[in-house]
Amino acid sequence: MNLYDIIEKPILSEKSYKGIPSKRYVFRVVKNASKTQIKAALETAFDVEVASVNTMHVMGKLRRSGKYIGRKTSYKKAYVTLTAKSKPIEFFESLS
């Protein structure tokens, strides 16, 4: 797996916006990616120093279509904290 394939997209919500000033970012990542792979992918893609990576599996929400009940796809979320001396990610600077 290529390092650039691990990070799918950033998650932009009210909770994730609160972490931007303290250099804590949230990303949607590939389900089978480990914390070390996520750390390596972020350091090469954004040229930053990662202090810690916390991950969680998010279960898909239930959806109904008439009498049929199904689920949206589940995914993996990564909370990434950068070191104090690391530069912030440029994409998020305009959002805070």
PDB file of N, CA and C in Angstrom:
ATOM      1  N   MET A   1       0.845  -1.175   0.000  1.00  0.00           N
ATOM      2  CA  MET A   1       0.000   0.000   0.000  1.00  0.00           C
ATOM      3  C   MET A   1       0.894   1.244   0.000  1.00  0.00           C
ATOM      4  N   ASN A   2       0.556   2.186  -0.845  1.00  0.00           N
ATOM      5  CA  ASN A   2       1.269   3.443  -0.949  1.00  0.00           C
ATOM      6  C   ASN A   2       0.922   4.326   0.250  1.00  0.00           C
ATOM      7  N   LEU A   3       1.871   5.121   0.725  1.00  0.00           N
ATOM      8  CA  LEU A   3       1.618   5.986   1.877  1.00  0.00           C
ATOM      9  C   LEU A   3       0.536   7.020   1.598  1.00  0.00           C
ATOM     10  N   TYR A   4       0.429   7.453   0.353  1.00  0.00           N
ATOM     11  CA  TYR A   4      -0.578   8.456   0.013  1.00  0.00           C
ATOM     12  C   TYR A   4      -1.979   7.864  -0.074  1.00  0.00           C
ATOM     13  N   ASP A   5      -2.109   6.545  -0.087  1.00  0.00           N
ATOM     14  CA  ASP A   5      -3.420   5.902  -0.124  1.00  0.00           C
ATOM     15  C   ASP A   5      -4.015   5.705   1.262  1.00  0.00           C
ATOM     16  N   ILE A   6      -3.238   5.879   2.299  1.00  0.00           N
ATOM     17  CA  ILE A   6      -3.706   5.621   3.664  1.00  0.00           C
ATOM     18  C   ILE A   6      -4.688   6.690   4.123  1.00  0.00           C
ATOM     19  N   ILE A   7      -4.399   7.945   3.864  1.00  0.00           N
ATOM     20  CA  ILE A   7      -5.275   9.050   4.275  1.00  0.00           C
ATOM     21  C   ILE A   7      -6.343   9.238   3.215  1.00  0.00           C
ATOM     22  N   GLU A   8      -7.611   9.062   3.600  1.00  0.00           N
ATOM     23  CA  GLU A   8      -8.699   9.226   2.630  1.00  0.00           C
ATOM     24  C   GLU A   8      -9.135  10.693   2.519  1.00  0.00           C
ATOM     25  N   LYS A   9      -9.470  11.308   3.670  1.00  0.00           N
ATOM     26  CA  LYS A   9      -9.889  12.713   3.649  1.00  0.00           C
ATOM     27  C   LYS A   9      -9.906  13.260   5.068  1.00  0.00           C
ATOM     28  N   PRO A  10      -9.845  14.581   5.229  1.00  0.00           N
ATOM     29  CA  PRO A  10      -9.971  15.157   6.570  1.00  0.00           C
ATOM     30  C   PRO A  10     -11.435  15.163   6.997  1.00  0.00           C
ATOM     31  N   ILE A  11     -11.652  15.049   8.283  1.00  0.00           N
ATOM     32  CA  ILE A  11     -13.010  15.122   8.822  1.00  0.00           C
ATOM     33  C   ILE A  11     -13.189  16.515   9.397  1.00  0.00           C
ATOM     34  N   LEU A  12     -14.140  17.249   8.859  1.00  0.00           N
ATOM     35  CA  LEU A  12     -14.380  18.632   9.269  1.00  0.00           C
ATOM     36  C   LEU A  12     -15.723  18.708   9.985  1.00  0.00           C
ATOM     37  N   SER A  13     -15.673  18.822  11.297  1.00  0.00           N
ATOM     38  CA  SER A  13     -16.868  18.931  12.124  1.00  0.00           C
ATOM     39  C   SER A  13     -16.592  19.953  13.218  1.00  0.00           C
ATOM     40  N   GLU A  14     -17.595  20.241  14.032  1.00  0.00           N
ATOM     41  CA  GLU A  14     -17.407  21.211  15.109  1.00  0.00           C
ATOM     42  C   GLU A  14     -16.350  20.736  16.092  1.00  0.00           C
ATOM     43  N   LYS A  15     -16.360  19.451  16.393  1.00  0.00           N
ATOM     44  CA  LYS A  15     -15.398  18.911  17.349  1.00  0.00           C
ATOM     45  C   LYS A  15     -13.980  18.964  16.789  1.00  0.00           C
ATOM     46  N   SER A  16     -13.830  18.700  15.497  1.00  0.00           N
ATOM     47  CA  SER A  16     -12.485  18.727  14.917  1.00  0.00           C
ATOM     48  C   SER A  16     -11.967  20.162  14.774  1.00  0.00           C
ATOM     49  N   TYR A  17     -12.852  21.133  14.585  1.00  0.00           N
ATOM     50  CA  TYR A  17     -12.424  22.528  14.506  1.00  0.00           C
ATOM     51  C   TYR A  17     -11.837  23.021  15.831  1.00  0.00           C
ATOM     52  N   LYS A  18     -12.324  22.493  16.949  1.00  0.00           N
ATOM     53  CA  LYS A  18     -11.827  22.915  18.257  1.00  0.00           C
ATOM     54  C   LYS A  18     -10.380  22.491  18.484  1.00  0.00           C
ATOM     55  N   GLY A  19      -9.941  21.437  17.813  1.00  0.00           N
ATOM     56  CA  GLY A  19      -8.586  20.947  18.000  1.00  0.00           C
ATOM     57  C   GLY A  19      -7.542  21.609  17.119  1.00  0.00           C
ATOM     58  N   ILE A  20      -7.955  22.371  16.126  1.00  0.00           N
ATOM     59  CA  ILE A  20      -7.015  22.976  15.181  1.00  0.00           C
ATOM     60  C   ILE A  20      -6.028  23.933  15.862  1.00  0.00           C
ATOM     61  N   PRO A  21      -6.447  24.813  16.792  1.00  0.00           N
ATOM     62  CA  PRO A  21      -5.456  25.694  17.433  1.00  0.00           C
ATOM     63  C   PRO A  21      -4.400  24.948  18.250  1.00  0.00           C
ATOM     64  N   SER A  22      -4.742  23.769  18.758  1.00  0.00           N
ATOM     65  CA  SER A  22      -3.770  22.988  19.535  1.00  0.00           C
ATOM     66  C   SER A  22      -3.077  21.924  18.690  1.00  0.00           C
ATOM     67  N   LYS A  23      -3.141  22.072  17.368  1.00  0.00           N
ATOM     68  CA  LYS A  23      -2.490  21.174  16.403  1.00  0.00           C
ATOM     69  C   LYS A  23      -2.967  19.730  16.533  1.00  0.00           C
ATOM     70  N   ARG A  24      -4.277  19.549  16.678  1.00  0.00           N
ATOM     71  CA  ARG A  24      -4.889  18.221  16.732  1.00  0.00           C
ATOM     72  C   ARG A  24      -5.876  18.130  15.571  1.00  0.00           C
ATOM     73  N   TYR A  25      -5.627  17.187  14.658  1.00  0.00           N
ATOM     74  CA  TYR A  25      -6.399  17.075  13.428  1.00  0.00           C
ATOM     75  C   TYR A  25      -7.051  15.700  13.343  1.00  0.00           C
ATOM     76  N   VAL A  26      -8.153  15.631  12.590  1.00  0.00           N
ATOM     77  CA  VAL A  26      -8.906  14.385  12.457  1.00  0.00           C
ATOM     78  C   VAL A  26      -8.957  14.010  10.978  1.00  0.00           C
ATOM     79  N   PHE A  27      -8.641  12.739  10.687  1.00  0.00           N
ATOM     80  CA  PHE A  27      -8.642  12.237   9.320  1.00  0.00           C
ATOM     81  C   PHE A  27      -9.405  10.924   9.241  1.00  0.00           C
ATOM     82  N   ARG A  28     -10.022  10.706   8.090  1.00  0.00           N
ATOM     83  CA  ARG A  28     -10.591   9.392   7.783  1.00  0.00           C
ATOM     84  C   ARG A  28      -9.506   8.603   7.067  1.00  0.00           C
ATOM     85  N   VAL A  29      -9.215   7.401   7.560  1.00  0.00           N
ATOM     86  CA  VAL A  29      -8.116   6.603   7.032  1.00  0.00           C
ATOM     87  C   VAL A  29      -8.632   5.222   6.609  1.00  0.00           C
ATOM     88  N   VAL A  30      -7.770   4.485   5.922  1.00  0.00           N
ATOM     89  CA  VAL A  30      -8.093   3.128   5.482  1.00  0.00           C
ATOM     90  C   VAL A  30      -8.267   2.241   6.710  1.00  0.00           C
ATOM     91  N   LYS A  31      -9.216   1.301   6.650  1.00  0.00           N
ATOM     92  CA  LYS A  31      -9.545   0.482   7.810  1.00  0.00           C
ATOM     93  C   LYS A  31      -8.382  -0.348   8.340  1.00  0.00           C
ATOM     94  N   ASN A  32      -7.548  -0.879   7.470  1.00  0.00           N
ATOM     95  CA  ASN A  32      -6.494  -1.776   7.927  1.00  0.00           C
ATOM     96  C   ASN A  32      -5.156  -1.067   8.156  1.00  0.00           C
ATOM     97  N   ALA A  33      -5.151   0.259   8.224  1.00  0.00           N
ATOM     98  CA  ALA A  33      -3.912   1.004   8.463  1.00  0.00           C
ATOM     99  C   ALA A  33      -3.579   1.010   9.946  1.00  0.00           C
ATOM    100  N   SER A  34      -2.303   0.828  10.265  1.00  0.00           N
ATOM    101  CA  SER A  34      -1.861   0.874  11.656  1.00  0.00           C
ATOM    102  C   SER A  34      -1.470   2.307  12.019  1.00  0.00           C
ATOM    103  N   LYS A  35      -1.227   2.524  13.309  1.00  0.00           N
ATOM    104  CA  LYS A  35      -0.853   3.857  13.774  1.00  0.00           C
ATOM    105  C   LYS A  35       0.491   4.294  13.208  1.00  0.00           C
ATOM    106  N   THR A  36       1.419   3.376  13.087  1.00  0.00           N
ATOM    107  CA  THR A  36       2.732   3.736  12.534  1.00  0.00           C
ATOM    108  C   THR A  36       2.632   4.075  11.057  1.00  0.00           C
ATOM    109  N   GLN A  37       1.770   3.382  10.320  1.00  0.00           N
ATOM    110  CA  GLN A  37       1.567   3.707   8.904  1.00  0.00           C
ATOM    111  C   GLN A  37       0.908   5.071   8.756  1.00  0.00           C
ATOM    112  N   ILE A  38      -0.057   5.379   9.607  1.00  0.00           N
ATOM    113  CA  ILE A  38      -0.736   6.678   9.558  1.00  0.00           C
ATOM    114  C   ILE A  38       0.256   7.792   9.879  1.00  0.00           C
ATOM    115  N   LYS A  39       1.098   7.580  10.878  1.00  0.00           N
ATOM    116  CA  LYS A  39       2.116   8.572  11.254  1.00  0.00           C
ATOM    117  C   LYS A  39       3.088   8.816  10.109  1.00  0.00           C
ATOM    118  N   ALA A  40       3.555   7.747   9.462  1.00  0.00           N
ATOM    119  CA  ALA A  40       4.494   7.887   8.347  1.00  0.00           C
ATOM    120  C   ALA A  40       3.835   8.589   7.163  1.00  0.00           C
ATOM    121  N   ALA A  41       2.573   8.290   6.903  1.00  0.00           N
ATOM    122  CA  ALA A  41       1.864   8.907   5.777  1.00  0.00           C
ATOM    123  C   ALA A  41       1.689  10.402   5.994  1.00  0.00           C
ATOM    124  N   LEU A  42       1.339  10.809   7.203  1.00  0.00           N
ATOM    125  CA  LEU A  42       1.152  12.234   7.483  1.00  0.00           C
ATOM    126  C   LEU A  42       2.468  12.992   7.461  1.00  0.00           C
ATOM    127  N   GLU A  43       3.518  12.383   7.975  1.00  0.00           N
ATOM    128  CA  GLU A  43       4.809  13.065   7.981  1.00  0.00           C
ATOM    129  C   GLU A  43       5.359  13.269   6.580  1.00  0.00           C
ATOM    130  N   THR A  44       5.127  12.319   5.666  1.00  0.00           N
ATOM    131  CA  THR A  44       5.610  12.493   4.299  1.00  0.00           C
ATOM    132  C   THR A  44       4.688  13.393   3.475  1.00  0.00           C
ATOM    133  N   ALA A  45       3.390  13.297   3.691  1.00  0.00           N
ATOM    134  CA  ALA A  45       2.451  14.074   2.875  1.00  0.00           C
ATOM    135  C   ALA A  45       2.453  15.550   3.228  1.00  0.00           C
ATOM    136  N   PHE A  46       2.514  15.881   4.526  1.00  0.00           N
ATOM    137  CA  PHE A  46       2.393  17.270   4.956  1.00  0.00           C
ATOM    138  C   PHE A  46       3.689  17.849   5.505  1.00  0.00           C
ATOM    139  N   ASP A  47       4.747  17.065   5.602  1.00  0.00           N
ATOM    140  CA  ASP A  47       6.048  17.507   6.098  1.00  0.00           C
ATOM    141  C   ASP A  47       5.931  18.100   7.505  1.00  0.00           C
ATOM    142  N   VAL A  48       5.343  17.317   8.431  1.00  0.00           N
ATOM    143  CA  VAL A  48       5.166  17.721   9.819  1.00  0.00           C
ATOM    144  C   VAL A  48       5.731  16.632  10.728  1.00  0.00           C
ATOM    145  N   GLU A  49       5.828  16.932  12.030  1.00  0.00           N
ATOM    146  CA  GLU A  49       6.254  15.950  13.020  1.00  0.00           C
ATOM    147  C   GLU A  49       5.047  15.542  13.859  1.00  0.00           C
ATOM    148  N   VAL A  50       4.718  14.260  13.854  1.00  0.00           N
ATOM    149  CA  VAL A  50       3.560  13.753  14.565  1.00  0.00           C
ATOM    150  C   VAL A  50       3.983  13.284  15.952  1.00  0.00           C
ATOM    151  N   ALA A  51       3.265  13.752  16.978  1.00  0.00           N
ATOM    152  CA  ALA A  51       3.554  13.338  18.352  1.00  0.00           C
ATOM    153  C   ALA A  51       2.791  12.069  18.707  1.00  0.00           C
ATOM    154  N   SER A  52       1.499  12.004  18.378  1.00  0.00           N
ATOM    155  CA  SER A  52       0.711  10.821  18.710  1.00  0.00           C
ATOM    156  C   SER A  52      -0.417  10.638  17.706  1.00  0.00           C
ATOM    157  N   VAL A  53      -0.849   9.380  17.593  1.00  0.00           N
ATOM    158  CA  VAL A  53      -1.972   9.018  16.719  1.00  0.00           C
ATOM    159  C   VAL A  53      -2.918   8.156  17.532  1.00  0.00           C
ATOM    160  N   ASN A  54      -4.171   8.568  17.629  1.00  0.00           N
ATOM    161  CA  ASN A  54      -5.214   7.779  18.274  1.00  0.00           C
ATOM    162  C   ASN A  54      -6.242   7.411  17.210  1.00  0.00           C
ATOM    163  N   THR A  55      -6.632   6.145  17.176  1.00  0.00           N
ATOM    164  CA  THR A  55      -7.562   5.687  16.151  1.00  0.00           C
ATOM    165  C   THR A  55      -8.820   5.127  16.789  1.00  0.00           C
ATOM    166  N   MET A  56      -9.886   5.117  16.005  1.00  0.00           N
ATOM    167  CA  MET A  56     -11.141   4.500  16.435  1.00  0.00           C
ATOM    168  C   MET A  56     -11.918   4.037  15.219  1.00  0.00           C
ATOM    169  N   HIS A  57     -12.645   2.945  15.380  1.00  0.00           N
ATOM    170  CA  HIS A  57     -13.515   2.439  14.331  1.00  0.00           C
ATOM    171  C   HIS A  57     -14.898   3.039  14.532  1.00  0.00           C
ATOM    172  N   VAL A  58     -15.466   3.605  13.477  1.00  0.00           N
ATOM    173  CA  VAL A  58     -16.781   4.225  13.540  1.00  0.00           C
ATOM    174  C   VAL A  58     -17.759   3.318  12.808  1.00  0.00           C
ATOM    175  N   MET A  59     -18.779   2.867  13.528  1.00  0.00           N
ATOM    176  CA  MET A  59     -19.790   1.998  12.948  1.00  0.00           C
ATOM    177  C   MET A  59     -20.733   2.827  12.083  1.00  0.00           C
ATOM    178  N   GLY A  60     -21.136   2.306  10.949  1.00  0.00           N
ATOM    179  CA  GLY A  60     -22.033   3.022  10.058  1.00  0.00           C
ATOM    180  C   GLY A  60     -23.412   3.202  10.661  1.00  0.00           C
ATOM    181  N   LYS A  61     -24.040   4.316  10.367  1.00  0.00           N
ATOM    182  CA  LYS A  61     -25.354   4.611  10.934  1.00  0.00           C
ATOM    183  C   LYS A  61     -26.435   3.778  10.247  1.00  0.00           C
ATOM    184  N   LEU A  62     -27.496   3.491  10.969  1.00  0.00           N
ATOM    185  CA  LEU A  62     -28.626   2.768  10.402  1.00  0.00           C
ATOM    186  C   LEU A  62     -29.437   3.700   9.505  1.00  0.00           C
ATOM    187  N   ARG A  63     -29.837   3.206   8.363  1.00  0.00           N
ATOM    188  CA  ARG A  63     -30.659   3.965   7.418  1.00  0.00           C
ATOM    189  C   ARG A  63     -31.825   3.103   6.976  1.00  0.00           C
ATOM    190  N   ARG A  64     -32.963   3.744   6.805  1.00  0.00           N
ATOM    191  CA  ARG A  64     -34.153   3.035   6.360  1.00  0.00           C
ATOM    192  C   ARG A  64     -34.559   3.499   4.991  1.00  0.00           C
ATOM    193  N   SER A  65     -35.026   2.558   4.203  1.00  0.00           N
ATOM    194  CA  SER A  65     -35.619   2.874   2.912  1.00  0.00           C
ATOM    195  C   SER A  65     -36.918   2.076   2.835  1.00  0.00           C
ATOM    196  N   GLY A  66     -38.000   2.720   3.244  1.00  0.00           N
ATOM    197  CA  GLY A  66     -39.262   1.996   3.316  1.00  0.00           C
ATOM    198  C   GLY A  66     -39.227   1.024   4.481  1.00  0.00           C
ATOM    199  N   LYS A  67     -39.474  -0.254   4.195  1.00  0.00           N
ATOM    200  CA  LYS A  67     -39.451  -1.252   5.267  1.00  0.00           C
ATOM    201  C   LYS A  67     -38.083  -1.914   5.414  1.00  0.00           C
ATOM    202  N   TYR A  68     -37.127  -1.569   4.572  1.00  0.00           N
ATOM    203  CA  TYR A  68     -35.797  -2.176   4.619  1.00  0.00           C
ATOM    204  C   TYR A  68     -34.852  -1.318   5.446  1.00  0.00           C
ATOM    205  N   ILE A  69     -34.081  -1.982   6.278  1.00  0.00           N
ATOM    206  CA  ILE A  69     -33.115  -1.297   7.126  1.00  0.00           C
ATOM    207  C   ILE A  69     -31.719  -1.748   6.732  1.00  0.00           C
ATOM    208  N   GLY A  70     -30.838  -0.784   6.549  1.00  0.00           N
ATOM    209  CA  GLY A  70     -29.459  -1.093   6.197  1.00  0.00           C
ATOM    210  C   GLY A  70     -28.510  -0.180   6.955  1.00  0.00           C
ATOM    211  N   ARG A  71     -27.243  -0.354   6.712  1.00  0.00           N
ATOM    212  CA  ARG A  71     -26.226   0.470   7.360  1.00  0.00           C
ATOM    213  C   ARG A  71     -25.393   1.194   6.324  1.00  0.00           C
ATOM    214  N   LYS A  72     -24.946   2.401   6.694  1.00  0.00           N
ATOM    215  CA  LYS A  72     -23.940   3.076   5.887  1.00  0.00           C
ATOM    216  C   LYS A  72     -22.604   2.382   6.152  1.00  0.00           C
ATOM    217  N   THR A  73     -21.630   2.625   5.326  1.00  0.00           N
ATOM    218  CA  THR A  73     -20.348   1.945   5.488  1.00  0.00           C
ATOM    219  C   THR A  73     -19.626   2.439   6.739  1.00  0.00           C
ATOM    220  N   SER A  74     -18.978   1.525   7.421  1.00  0.00           N
ATOM    221  CA  SER A  74     -18.185   1.888   8.586  1.00  0.00           C
ATOM    222  C   SER A  74     -16.793   2.312   8.123  1.00  0.00           C
ATOM    223  N   TYR A  75     -16.076   3.048   8.976  1.00  0.00           N
ATOM    224  CA  TYR A  75     -14.763   3.554   8.594  1.00  0.00           C
ATOM    225  C   TYR A  75     -13.892   3.708   9.829  1.00  0.00           C
ATOM    226  N   LYS A  76     -12.647   4.056   9.617  1.00  0.00           N
ATOM    227  CA  LYS A  76     -11.681   4.261  10.690  1.00  0.00           C
ATOM    228  C   LYS A  76     -11.304   5.731  10.736  1.00  0.00           C
ATOM    229  N   LYS A  77     -11.253   6.289  11.945  1.00  0.00           N
ATOM    230  CA  LYS A  77     -10.950   7.696  12.149  1.00  0.00           C
ATOM    231  C   LYS A  77      -9.645   7.796  12.934  1.00  0.00           C
ATOM    232  N   ALA A  78      -8.798   8.746  12.580  1.00  0.00           N
ATOM    233  CA  ALA A  78      -7.525   8.945  13.272  1.00  0.00           C
ATOM    234  C   ALA A  78      -7.438  10.362  13.804  1.00  0.00           C
ATOM    235  N   TYR A  79      -7.188  10.487  15.109  1.00  0.00           N
ATOM    236  CA  TYR A  79      -6.923  11.770  15.741  1.00  0.00           C
ATOM    237  C   TYR A  79      -5.407  11.926  15.820  1.00  0.00           C
ATOM    238  N   VAL A  80      -4.875  12.952  15.168  1.00  0.00           N
ATOM    239  CA  VAL A  80      -3.432  13.139  15.056  1.00  0.00           C
ATOM    240  C   VAL A  80      -3.040  14.414  15.787  1.00  0.00           C
ATOM    241  N   THR A  81      -2.075  14.298  16.696  1.00  0.00           N
ATOM    242  CA  THR A  81      -1.542  15.445  17.427  1.00  0.00           C
ATOM    243  C   THR A  81      -0.114  15.686  16.965  1.00  0.00           C
ATOM    244  N   LEU A  82       0.183  16.928  16.601  1.00  0.00           N
ATOM    245  CA  LEU A  82       1.527  17.286  16.169  1.00  0.00           C
ATOM    246  C   LEU A  82       2.359  17.758  17.356  1.00  0.00           C
ATOM    247  N   THR A  83       3.671  17.735  17.183  1.00  0.00           N
ATOM    248  CA  THR A  83       4.560  18.225  18.242  1.00  0.00           C
ATOM    249  C   THR A  83       4.467  19.743  18.325  1.00  0.00           C
ATOM    250  N   ALA A  84       4.938  20.293  19.439  1.00  0.00           N
ATOM    251  CA  ALA A  84       4.865  21.744  19.647  1.00  0.00           C
ATOM    252  C   ALA A  84       5.745  22.503  18.664  1.00  0.00           C
ATOM    253  N   LYS A  85       6.898  21.938  18.295  1.00  0.00           N
ATOM    254  CA  LYS A  85       7.792  22.642  17.378  1.00  0.00           C
ATOM    255  C   LYS A  85       7.456  22.403  15.908  1.00  0.00           C
ATOM    256  N   SER A  86       6.503  21.553  15.617  1.00  0.00           N
ATOM    257  CA  SER A  86       6.106  21.270  14.238  1.00  0.00           C
ATOM    258  C   SER A  86       5.253  22.404  13.681  1.00  0.00           C
ATOM    259  N   LYS A  87       5.366  22.614  12.395  1.00  0.00           N
ATOM    260  CA  LYS A  87       4.523  23.633  11.761  1.00  0.00           C
ATOM    261  C   LYS A  87       3.117  23.061  11.575  1.00  0.00           C
ATOM    262  N   PRO A  88       2.081  23.906  11.607  1.00  0.00           N
ATOM    263  CA  PRO A  88       0.717  23.402  11.397  1.00  0.00           C
ATOM    264  C   PRO A  88       0.487  23.014   9.936  1.00  0.00           C
ATOM    265  N   ILE A  89      -0.561  22.240   9.706  1.00  0.00           N
ATOM    266  CA  ILE A  89      -0.913  21.836   8.346  1.00  0.00           C
ATOM    267  C   ILE A  89      -1.606  23.013   7.666  1.00  0.00           C
ATOM    268  N   GLU A  90      -1.134  23.395   6.487  1.00  0.00           N
ATOM    269  CA  GLU A  90      -1.609  24.602   5.806  1.00  0.00           C
ATOM    270  C   GLU A  90      -3.098  24.553   5.465  1.00  0.00           C
ATOM    271  N   PHE A  91      -3.595  23.354   5.138  1.00  0.00           N
ATOM    272  CA  PHE A  91      -5.005  23.215   4.746  1.00  0.00           C
ATOM    273  C   PHE A  91      -5.940  23.681   5.852  1.00  0.00           C
ATOM    274  N   PHE A  92      -5.593  23.417   7.115  1.00  0.00           N
ATOM    275  CA  PHE A  92      -6.452  23.728   8.230  1.00  0.00           C
ATOM    276  C   PHE A  92      -6.276  25.154   8.750  1.00  0.00           C
ATOM    277  N   GLU A  93      -5.232  25.854   8.352  1.00  0.00           N
ATOM    278  CA  GLU A  93      -4.974  27.194   8.872  1.00  0.00           C
ATOM    279  C   GLU A  93      -6.073  28.183   8.486  1.00  0.00           C
ATOM    280  N   SER A  94      -6.634  28.044   7.308  1.00  0.00           N
ATOM    281  CA  SER A  94      -7.671  28.970   6.865  1.00  0.00           C
ATOM    282  C   SER A  94      -9.015  28.667   7.521  1.00  0.00           C
ATOM    283  N   LEU A  95      -9.163  27.502   8.158  1.00  0.00           N
ATOM    284  CA  LEU A  95     -10.439  27.100   8.754  1.00  0.00           C
ATOM    285  C   LEU A  95     -10.590  27.566  10.193  1.00  0.00           C
ATOM    286  N   SER A  96      -9.491  27.775  10.900  1.00  0.00           N
ATOM    287  CA  SER A  96      -9.597  28.133  12.324  1.00  0.00           C
ATOM    288  C   SER A  96      -9.818  29.611  12.520  1.00  0.00           C
TER     289      SER A  96
END
